[in-house]
Amino acid sequence: MVGILPVIEVQVLPARSFWAVLNNLQIDLHLSVPELARRIGLAEERLCAGMIMFGFYDSDAIPMYDRVAV
């Protein structure tokens, strides 16, 4: 007898260090939010959501411009 296992979907979110690298890159290269999103190939909305989640942008998606340890 062959059973069928349920399908499990998992969303993997990048670690804080990923967002910290992007934060520092934005500061070092003086990039705006749209410029950073284009440079890394990520939707601007997704970039802002991740940066807000880890405290690199404020709640209005404005960069805090604080360098952080990666």
N, C-alpha and C. Protein backbone atom coordinates (compact mmCIF):
# COMPACT_ATOMS: atom_id res chain seq x y z
N MET A 1 0.85 -1.18 0.00
CA MET A 1 0.00 0.00 0.00
C MET A 1 0.90 1.25 0.00
N VAL A 2 0.59 2.16 -0.88
CA VAL A 2 1.34 3.40 -0.99
C VAL A 2 0.48 4.54 -0.45
N GLY A 3 1.03 5.27 0.52
CA GLY A 3 0.30 6.39 1.09
C GLY A 3 0.71 7.69 0.43
N ILE A 4 -0.13 8.64 0.56
CA ILE A 4 0.16 9.97 0.02
C ILE A 4 0.41 10.91 1.20
N LEU A 5 1.54 11.55 1.16
CA LEU A 5 1.88 12.50 2.21
C LEU A 5 1.32 13.87 1.88
N PRO A 6 0.90 14.59 2.89
CA PRO A 6 0.41 15.95 2.63
C PRO A 6 1.55 16.85 2.17
N VAL A 7 1.21 17.82 1.37
CA VAL A 7 2.20 18.77 0.88
C VAL A 7 2.36 19.88 1.92
N ILE A 8 3.59 20.16 2.25
CA ILE A 8 3.87 21.23 3.20
C ILE A 8 4.61 22.34 2.47
N GLU A 9 4.10 23.54 2.60
CA GLU A 9 4.76 24.69 2.00
C GLU A 9 5.42 25.51 3.10
N VAL A 10 6.66 25.87 2.89
CA VAL A 10 7.40 26.63 3.87
C VAL A 10 7.98 27.87 3.20
N GLN A 11 7.79 29.00 3.82
CA GLN A 11 8.39 30.23 3.31
C GLN A 11 9.66 30.48 4.12
N VAL A 12 10.77 30.61 3.43
CA VAL A 12 12.04 30.85 4.10
C VAL A 12 12.37 32.34 3.98
N LEU A 13 12.55 32.96 5.11
CA LEU A 13 12.92 34.37 5.13
C LEU A 13 14.42 34.49 5.34
N PRO A 14 15.06 35.39 4.63
CA PRO A 14 16.49 35.58 4.83
C PRO A 14 16.78 36.01 6.27
N ALA A 15 17.93 35.62 6.76
CA ALA A 15 18.34 35.95 8.12
C ALA A 15 18.61 37.45 8.26
N ARG A 16 18.69 37.89 9.51
CA ARG A 16 18.95 39.29 9.80
C ARG A 16 20.22 39.77 9.13
N SER A 17 21.22 38.91 9.04
CA SER A 17 22.50 39.33 8.46
C SER A 17 22.34 39.73 6.99
N PHE A 18 21.43 39.08 6.26
CA PHE A 18 21.16 39.45 4.87
C PHE A 18 20.69 40.90 4.80
N TRP A 19 19.73 41.25 5.66
CA TRP A 19 19.18 42.60 5.66
C TRP A 19 20.21 43.60 6.17
N ALA A 20 21.06 43.17 7.11
CA ALA A 20 22.12 44.05 7.62
C ALA A 20 23.11 44.40 6.51
N VAL A 21 23.46 43.42 5.68
CA VAL A 21 24.36 43.68 4.55
C VAL A 21 23.73 44.68 3.60
N LEU A 22 22.45 44.52 3.31
CA LEU A 22 21.76 45.46 2.42
C LEU A 22 21.72 46.86 3.04
N ASN A 23 21.47 46.93 4.33
CA ASN A 23 21.46 48.22 5.03
C ASN A 23 22.81 48.92 4.88
N ASN A 24 23.88 48.20 5.15
CA ASN A 24 25.22 48.79 5.07
C ASN A 24 25.58 49.15 3.62
N LEU A 25 25.15 48.33 2.67
CA LEU A 25 25.38 48.62 1.26
C LEU A 25 24.69 49.92 0.86
N GLN A 26 23.45 50.08 1.30
CA GLN A 26 22.70 51.30 0.99
C GLN A 26 23.42 52.53 1.55
N ILE A 27 23.94 52.42 2.75
CA ILE A 27 24.66 53.54 3.37
C ILE A 27 25.96 53.82 2.64
N ASP A 28 26.74 52.77 2.38
CA ASP A 28 28.06 52.94 1.74
C ASP A 28 27.97 53.54 0.34
N LEU A 29 26.95 53.11 -0.42
CA LEU A 29 26.83 53.56 -1.81
C LEU A 29 25.86 54.73 -1.98
N HIS A 30 25.29 55.22 -0.87
CA HIS A 30 24.36 56.35 -0.90
C HIS A 30 23.20 56.08 -1.86
N LEU A 31 22.57 54.90 -1.72
CA LEU A 31 21.47 54.50 -2.60
C LEU A 31 20.13 54.86 -1.99
N SER A 32 19.20 55.27 -2.85
CA SER A 32 17.82 55.46 -2.40
C SER A 32 17.17 54.08 -2.30
N VAL A 33 15.98 54.02 -1.75
CA VAL A 33 15.28 52.74 -1.63
C VAL A 33 15.03 52.13 -3.01
N PRO A 34 14.50 52.88 -4.00
CA PRO A 34 14.30 52.30 -5.33
C PRO A 34 15.61 51.84 -5.98
N GLU A 35 16.68 52.60 -5.79
CA GLU A 35 17.98 52.22 -6.37
C GLU A 35 18.49 50.92 -5.76
N LEU A 36 18.36 50.78 -4.45
CA LEU A 36 18.80 49.54 -3.79
C LEU A 36 17.96 48.36 -4.26
N ALA A 37 16.66 48.54 -4.36
CA ALA A 37 15.78 47.46 -4.82
C ALA A 37 16.16 47.01 -6.22
N ARG A 38 16.40 47.96 -7.11
CA ARG A 38 16.81 47.61 -8.48
C ARG A 38 18.15 46.90 -8.49
N ARG A 39 19.08 47.39 -7.69
CA ARG A 39 20.44 46.84 -7.68
C ARG A 39 20.46 45.37 -7.25
N ILE A 40 19.60 45.02 -6.29
CA ILE A 40 19.60 43.64 -5.79
C ILE A 40 18.53 42.77 -6.44
N GLY A 41 17.68 43.37 -7.29
CA GLY A 41 16.65 42.61 -7.99
C GLY A 41 15.50 42.16 -7.10
N LEU A 42 15.11 43.01 -6.17
CA LEU A 42 14.05 42.69 -5.23
C LEU A 42 12.96 43.75 -5.37
N ALA A 43 11.71 43.34 -5.25
CA ALA A 43 10.62 44.31 -5.31
C ALA A 43 10.78 45.32 -4.17
N GLU A 44 10.51 46.56 -4.45
CA GLU A 44 10.67 47.62 -3.45
C GLU A 44 9.83 47.35 -2.21
N GLU A 45 8.62 46.82 -2.40
CA GLU A 45 7.73 46.53 -1.28
C GLU A 45 8.33 45.45 -0.38
N ARG A 46 8.92 44.43 -1.00
CA ARG A 46 9.54 43.33 -0.23
C ARG A 46 10.78 43.83 0.51
N LEU A 47 11.56 44.67 -0.15
CA LEU A 47 12.73 45.26 0.49
C LEU A 47 12.32 46.05 1.73
N CYS A 48 11.33 46.90 1.58
CA CYS A 48 10.87 47.72 2.70
C CYS A 48 10.32 46.86 3.84
N ALA A 49 9.57 45.83 3.50
CA ALA A 49 9.00 44.96 4.54
C ALA A 49 10.10 44.28 5.34
N GLY A 50 11.12 43.78 4.67
CA GLY A 50 12.22 43.13 5.37
C GLY A 50 13.02 44.10 6.22
N MET A 51 13.27 45.27 5.67
CA MET A 51 14.06 46.26 6.41
C MET A 51 13.29 46.79 7.62
N ILE A 52 11.98 46.93 7.50
CA ILE A 52 11.16 47.34 8.64
C ILE A 52 11.15 46.25 9.70
N MET A 53 11.01 45.00 9.27
CA MET A 53 10.94 43.88 10.20
C MET A 53 12.18 43.81 11.09
N PHE A 54 13.35 44.14 10.55
CA PHE A 54 14.58 44.06 11.33
C PHE A 54 15.04 45.41 11.87
N GLY A 55 14.21 46.44 11.71
CA GLY A 55 14.48 47.73 12.32
C GLY A 55 15.47 48.63 11.59
N PHE A 56 15.74 48.32 10.31
CA PHE A 56 16.65 49.17 9.55
C PHE A 56 15.92 50.34 8.90
N TYR A 57 14.59 50.22 8.74
CA TYR A 57 13.74 51.31 8.27
C TYR A 57 12.71 51.56 9.36
N ASP A 58 12.19 52.80 9.44
CA ASP A 58 11.12 53.05 10.40
C ASP A 58 9.80 52.53 9.83
N SER A 59 8.72 52.72 10.56
CA SER A 59 7.43 52.15 10.14
C SER A 59 6.88 52.75 8.85
N ASP A 60 7.42 53.90 8.43
CA ASP A 60 7.02 54.52 7.17
C ASP A 60 7.96 54.17 6.03
N ALA A 61 8.83 53.17 6.25
CA ALA A 61 9.80 52.70 5.25
C ALA A 61 10.86 53.75 4.91
N ILE A 62 11.21 54.54 5.90
CA ILE A 62 12.28 55.52 5.74
C ILE A 62 13.54 54.94 6.37
N PRO A 63 14.63 54.85 5.60
CA PRO A 63 15.86 54.27 6.14
C PRO A 63 16.36 55.02 7.37
N MET A 64 16.86 54.26 8.35
CA MET A 64 17.39 54.85 9.58
C MET A 64 18.84 55.30 9.40
N TYR A 65 19.52 54.75 8.41
CA TYR A 65 20.92 55.08 8.10
C TYR A 65 21.86 54.87 9.29
N ASP A 66 21.66 53.77 10.00
CA ASP A 66 22.57 53.38 11.08
C ASP A 66 23.33 52.14 10.63
N ARG A 67 24.66 52.24 10.57
CA ARG A 67 25.46 51.07 10.22
C ARG A 67 25.33 50.04 11.34
N VAL A 68 25.28 48.78 10.94
CA VAL A 68 25.13 47.70 11.92
C VAL A 68 26.17 46.61 11.67
N ALA A 69 26.41 45.82 12.70
CA ALA A 69 27.32 44.68 12.55
C ALA A 69 26.60 43.59 11.77
N VAL A 70 27.33 42.95 10.89
CA VAL A 70 26.76 41.86 10.10
C VAL A 70 27.06 40.59 10.84
